[in-house]
Amino acid sequence: MPKQQSRRLHPRLLQQLPRYDGYQWWRAGSDLLLVRTSNRMIFDVQVDAFQ
């Protein structure tokens, strides 16, 4: 996933989301992505989470 298309979330927002070992939450446009850190593969997408 190219960095210019996504960004990490603000720490206050991260505190409200579940934590999974080996994964990070990212924002891509209005979508919320759960990304595996070992290979940067997208594991889950919450469509329009930021609408």
PDB file of N, CA and C in Angstrom:
ATOM      1  N   MET A   1       0.843  -1.165   0.000  1.00  0.00           N
ATOM      2  CA  MET A   1       0.000   0.000   0.000  1.00  0.00           C
ATOM      3  C   MET A   1       0.894   1.234   0.000  1.00  0.00           C
ATOM      4  N   PRO A   2       0.832   2.061  -1.023  1.00  0.00           N
ATOM      5  CA  PRO A   2       1.675   3.258  -1.091  1.00  0.00           C
ATOM      6  C   PRO A   2       1.361   4.236   0.030  1.00  0.00           C
ATOM      7  N   LYS A   3       2.412   4.814   0.632  1.00  0.00           N
ATOM      8  CA  LYS A   3       2.215   5.732   1.749  1.00  0.00           C
ATOM      9  C   LYS A   3       1.435   6.971   1.358  1.00  0.00           C
ATOM     10  N   GLN A   4       1.572   7.463   0.140  1.00  0.00           N
ATOM     11  CA  GLN A   4       0.865   8.679  -0.248  1.00  0.00           C
ATOM     12  C   GLN A   4      -0.645   8.463  -0.328  1.00  0.00           C
ATOM     13  N   GLN A   5      -1.088   7.224  -0.350  1.00  0.00           N
ATOM     14  CA  GLN A   5      -2.517   6.931  -0.420  1.00  0.00           C
ATOM     15  C   GLN A   5      -3.123   6.643   0.943  1.00  0.00           C
ATOM     16  N   SER A   6      -2.311   6.554   1.986  1.00  0.00           N
ATOM     17  CA  SER A   6      -2.822   6.229   3.307  1.00  0.00           C
ATOM     18  C   SER A   6      -1.999   6.949   4.367  1.00  0.00           C
ATOM     19  N   ARG A   7      -2.555   6.987   5.573  1.00  0.00           N
ATOM     20  CA  ARG A   7      -1.822   7.604   6.674  1.00  0.00           C
ATOM     21  C   ARG A   7      -2.258   6.971   7.981  1.00  0.00           C
ATOM     22  N   ARG A   8      -1.370   7.074   8.962  1.00  0.00           N
ATOM     23  CA  ARG A   8      -1.662   6.527  10.287  1.00  0.00           C
ATOM     24  C   ARG A   8      -2.684   7.402  10.974  1.00  0.00           C
ATOM     25  N   LEU A   9      -3.328   6.850  11.972  1.00  0.00           N
ATOM     26  CA  LEU A   9      -4.393   7.559  12.671  1.00  0.00           C
ATOM     27  C   LEU A   9      -3.864   8.338  13.867  1.00  0.00           C
ATOM     28  N   HIS A  10      -4.612   9.345  14.254  1.00  0.00           N
ATOM     29  CA  HIS A  10      -4.292  10.148  15.432  1.00  0.00           C
ATOM     30  C   HIS A  10      -4.351   9.249  16.671  1.00  0.00           C
ATOM     31  N   PRO A  11      -3.421   9.421  17.621  1.00  0.00           N
ATOM     32  CA  PRO A  11      -3.392   8.556  18.814  1.00  0.00           C
ATOM     33  C   PRO A  11      -4.707   8.523  19.595  1.00  0.00           C
ATOM     34  N   ARG A  12      -5.429   9.633  19.669  1.00  0.00           N
ATOM     35  CA  ARG A  12      -6.709   9.633  20.396  1.00  0.00           C
ATOM     36  C   ARG A  12      -7.733   8.719  19.729  1.00  0.00           C
ATOM     37  N   LEU A  13      -7.728   8.693  18.416  1.00  0.00           N
ATOM     38  CA  LEU A  13      -8.644   7.805  17.703  1.00  0.00           C
ATOM     39  C   LEU A  13      -8.218   6.347  17.876  1.00  0.00           C
ATOM     40  N   LEU A  14      -6.917   6.097  17.861  1.00  0.00           N
ATOM     41  CA  LEU A  14      -6.419   4.729  18.031  1.00  0.00           C
ATOM     42  C   LEU A  14      -6.833   4.137  19.374  1.00  0.00           C
ATOM     43  N   GLN A  15      -6.930   4.967  20.400  1.00  0.00           N
ATOM     44  CA  GLN A  15      -7.327   4.485  21.726  1.00  0.00           C
ATOM     45  C   GLN A  15      -8.746   3.927  21.725  1.00  0.00           C
ATOM     46  N   GLN A  16      -9.566   4.344  20.779  1.00  0.00           N
ATOM     47  CA  GLN A  16     -10.963   3.912  20.716  1.00  0.00           C
ATOM     48  C   GLN A  16     -11.159   2.646  19.882  1.00  0.00           C
ATOM     49  N   LEU A  17     -10.115   2.218  19.200  1.00  0.00           N
ATOM     50  CA  LEU A  17     -10.207   1.046  18.325  1.00  0.00           C
ATOM     51  C   LEU A  17      -9.593  -0.174  19.000  1.00  0.00           C
ATOM     52  N   PRO A  18     -10.061  -1.374  18.639  1.00  0.00           N
ATOM     53  CA  PRO A  18      -9.440  -2.582  19.201  1.00  0.00           C
ATOM     54  C   PRO A  18      -8.002  -2.728  18.712  1.00  0.00           C
ATOM     55  N   ARG A  19      -7.172  -3.326  19.545  1.00  0.00           N
ATOM     56  CA  ARG A  19      -5.770  -3.567  19.181  1.00  0.00           C
ATOM     57  C   ARG A  19      -5.576  -5.040  18.855  1.00  0.00           C
ATOM     58  N   TYR A  20      -4.811  -5.271  17.806  1.00  0.00           N
ATOM     59  CA  TYR A  20      -4.479  -6.631  17.390  1.00  0.00           C
ATOM     60  C   TYR A  20      -2.970  -6.702  17.193  1.00  0.00           C
ATOM     61  N   ASP A  21      -2.325  -7.659  17.843  1.00  0.00           N
ATOM     62  CA  ASP A  21      -0.877  -7.820  17.681  1.00  0.00           C
ATOM     63  C   ASP A  21      -0.539  -8.063  16.218  1.00  0.00           C
ATOM     64  N   GLY A  22       0.448  -7.328  15.719  1.00  0.00           N
ATOM     65  CA  GLY A  22       0.896  -7.505  14.350  1.00  0.00           C
ATOM     66  C   GLY A  22       0.101  -6.725  13.318  1.00  0.00           C
ATOM     67  N   TYR A  23      -0.804  -5.864  13.761  1.00  0.00           N
ATOM     68  CA  TYR A  23      -1.635  -5.082  12.849  1.00  0.00           C
ATOM     69  C   TYR A  23      -1.639  -3.608  13.254  1.00  0.00           C
ATOM     70  N   GLN A  24      -1.906  -2.724  12.284  1.00  0.00           N
ATOM     71  CA  GLN A  24      -2.036  -1.294  12.531  1.00  0.00           C
ATOM     72  C   GLN A  24      -3.272  -0.780  11.810  1.00  0.00           C
ATOM     73  N   TRP A  25      -3.878   0.248  12.390  1.00  0.00           N
ATOM     74  CA  TRP A  25      -4.996   0.927  11.741  1.00  0.00           C
ATOM     75  C   TRP A  25      -4.462   2.068  10.898  1.00  0.00           C
ATOM     76  N   TRP A  26      -4.980   2.216   9.687  1.00  0.00           N
ATOM     77  CA  TRP A  26      -4.602   3.286   8.768  1.00  0.00           C
ATOM     78  C   TRP A  26      -5.862   3.908   8.196  1.00  0.00           C
ATOM     79  N   ARG A  27      -5.729   5.140   7.747  1.00  0.00           N
ATOM     80  CA  ARG A  27      -6.822   5.818   7.052  1.00  0.00           C
ATOM     81  C   ARG A  27      -6.447   5.961   5.588  1.00  0.00           C
ATOM     82  N   ALA A  28      -7.390   5.649   4.712  1.00  0.00           N
ATOM     83  CA  ALA A  28      -7.216   5.842   3.269  1.00  0.00           C
ATOM     84  C   ALA A  28      -8.476   6.523   2.760  1.00  0.00           C
ATOM     85  N   GLY A  29      -8.388   7.823   2.517  1.00  0.00           N
ATOM     86  CA  GLY A  29      -9.575   8.584   2.130  1.00  0.00           C
ATOM     87  C   GLY A  29     -10.567   8.579   3.272  1.00  0.00           C
ATOM     88  N   SER A  30     -11.774   8.086   3.019  1.00  0.00           N
ATOM     89  CA  SER A  30     -12.787   8.015   4.074  1.00  0.00           C
ATOM     90  C   SER A  30     -12.901   6.613   4.673  1.00  0.00           C
ATOM     91  N   ASP A  31     -11.994   5.708   4.295  1.00  0.00           N
ATOM     92  CA  ASP A  31     -12.036   4.324   4.772  1.00  0.00           C
ATOM     93  C   ASP A  31     -11.026   4.086   5.895  1.00  0.00           C
ATOM     94  N   LEU A  32     -11.353   3.147   6.767  1.00  0.00           N
ATOM     95  CA  LEU A  32     -10.478   2.723   7.854  1.00  0.00           C
ATOM     96  C   LEU A  32      -9.952   1.335   7.510  1.00  0.00           C
ATOM     97  N   LEU A  33      -8.631   1.181   7.515  1.00  0.00           N
ATOM     98  CA  LEU A  33      -8.001  -0.079   7.114  1.00  0.00           C
ATOM     99  C   LEU A  33      -7.276  -0.721   8.285  1.00  0.00           C
ATOM    100  N   LEU A  34      -7.378  -2.024   8.393  1.00  0.00           N
ATOM    101  CA  LEU A  34      -6.573  -2.790   9.333  1.00  0.00           C
ATOM    102  C   LEU A  34      -5.501  -3.491   8.504  1.00  0.00           C
ATOM    103  N   VAL A  35      -4.233  -3.139   8.751  1.00  0.00           N
ATOM    104  CA  VAL A  35      -3.120  -3.570   7.906  1.00  0.00           C
ATOM    105  C   VAL A  35      -2.157  -4.442   8.710  1.00  0.00           C
ATOM    106  N   ARG A  36      -1.774  -5.573   8.148  1.00  0.00           N
ATOM    107  CA  ARG A  36      -0.779  -6.456   8.772  1.00  0.00           C
ATOM    108  C   ARG A  36       0.588  -5.797   8.649  1.00  0.00           C
ATOM    109  N   THR A  37       1.290  -5.627   9.758  1.00  0.00           N
ATOM    110  CA  THR A  37       2.561  -4.902   9.739  1.00  0.00           C
ATOM    111  C   THR A  37       3.687  -5.683   9.072  1.00  0.00           C
ATOM    112  N   SER A  38       3.646  -7.002   9.096  1.00  0.00           N
ATOM    113  CA  SER A  38       4.749  -7.791   8.546  1.00  0.00           C
ATOM    114  C   SER A  38       4.870  -7.671   7.033  1.00  0.00           C
ATOM    115  N   ASN A  39       3.737  -7.519   6.342  1.00  0.00           N
ATOM    116  CA  ASN A  39       3.793  -7.468   4.880  1.00  0.00           C
ATOM    117  C   ASN A  39       2.936  -6.347   4.277  1.00  0.00           C
ATOM    118  N   ARG A  40       2.353  -5.518   5.130  1.00  0.00           N
ATOM    119  CA  ARG A  40       1.516  -4.377   4.722  1.00  0.00           C
ATOM    120  C   ARG A  40       0.302  -4.786   3.885  1.00  0.00           C
ATOM    121  N   MET A  41      -0.171  -5.993   4.087  1.00  0.00           N
ATOM    122  CA  MET A  41      -1.387  -6.459   3.415  1.00  0.00           C
ATOM    123  C   MET A  41      -2.606  -5.961   4.189  1.00  0.00           C
ATOM    124  N   ILE A  42      -3.627  -5.545   3.453  1.00  0.00           N
ATOM    125  CA  ILE A  42      -4.854  -5.073   4.074  1.00  0.00           C
ATOM    126  C   ILE A  42      -5.668  -6.279   4.525  1.00  0.00           C
ATOM    127  N   PHE A  43      -5.996  -6.303   5.807  1.00  0.00           N
ATOM    128  CA  PHE A  43      -6.733  -7.418   6.389  1.00  0.00           C
ATOM    129  C   PHE A  43      -8.232  -7.123   6.462  1.00  0.00           C
ATOM    130  N   ASP A  44      -8.600  -5.858   6.732  1.00  0.00           N
ATOM    131  CA  ASP A  44     -10.005  -5.492   6.863  1.00  0.00           C
ATOM    132  C   ASP A  44     -10.194  -4.044   6.435  1.00  0.00           C
ATOM    133  N   VAL A  45     -11.380  -3.730   5.908  1.00  0.00           N
ATOM    134  CA  VAL A  45     -11.719  -2.370   5.480  1.00  0.00           C
ATOM    135  C   VAL A  45     -13.076  -1.999   6.058  1.00  0.00           C
ATOM    136  N   GLN A  46     -13.128  -0.858   6.723  1.00  0.00           N
ATOM    137  CA  GLN A  46     -14.388  -0.273   7.171  1.00  0.00           C
ATOM    138  C   GLN A  46     -14.679   0.883   6.213  1.00  0.00           C
ATOM    139  N   VAL A  47     -15.562   0.654   5.262  1.00  0.00           N
ATOM    140  CA  VAL A  47     -15.848   1.620   4.199  1.00  0.00           C
ATOM    141  C   VAL A  47     -16.575   2.836   4.774  1.00  0.00           C
ATOM    142  N   ASP A  48     -16.137   4.028   4.344  1.00  0.00           N
ATOM    143  CA  ASP A  48     -16.749   5.307   4.729  1.00  0.00           C
ATOM    144  C   ASP A  48     -16.788   5.529   6.239  1.00  0.00           C
ATOM    145  N   ALA A  49     -15.797   5.063   6.957  1.00  0.00           N
ATOM    146  CA  ALA A  49     -15.740   5.263   8.409  1.00  0.00           C
ATOM    147  C   ALA A  49     -15.575   6.732   8.778  1.00  0.00           C
ATOM    148  N   PHE A  50     -15.080   7.546   7.856  1.00  0.00           N
ATOM    149  CA  PHE A  50     -14.833   8.960   8.137  1.00  0.00           C
ATOM    150  C   PHE A  50     -15.754   9.877   7.343  1.00  0.00           C
ATOM    151  N   GLN A  51     -16.925   9.405   7.010  1.00  0.00           N
ATOM    152  CA  GLN A  51     -17.900  10.234   6.279  1.00  0.00           C
ATOM    153  C   GLN A  51     -18.648  11.114   7.231  1.00  0.00           C
TER     154      GLN A  51
END
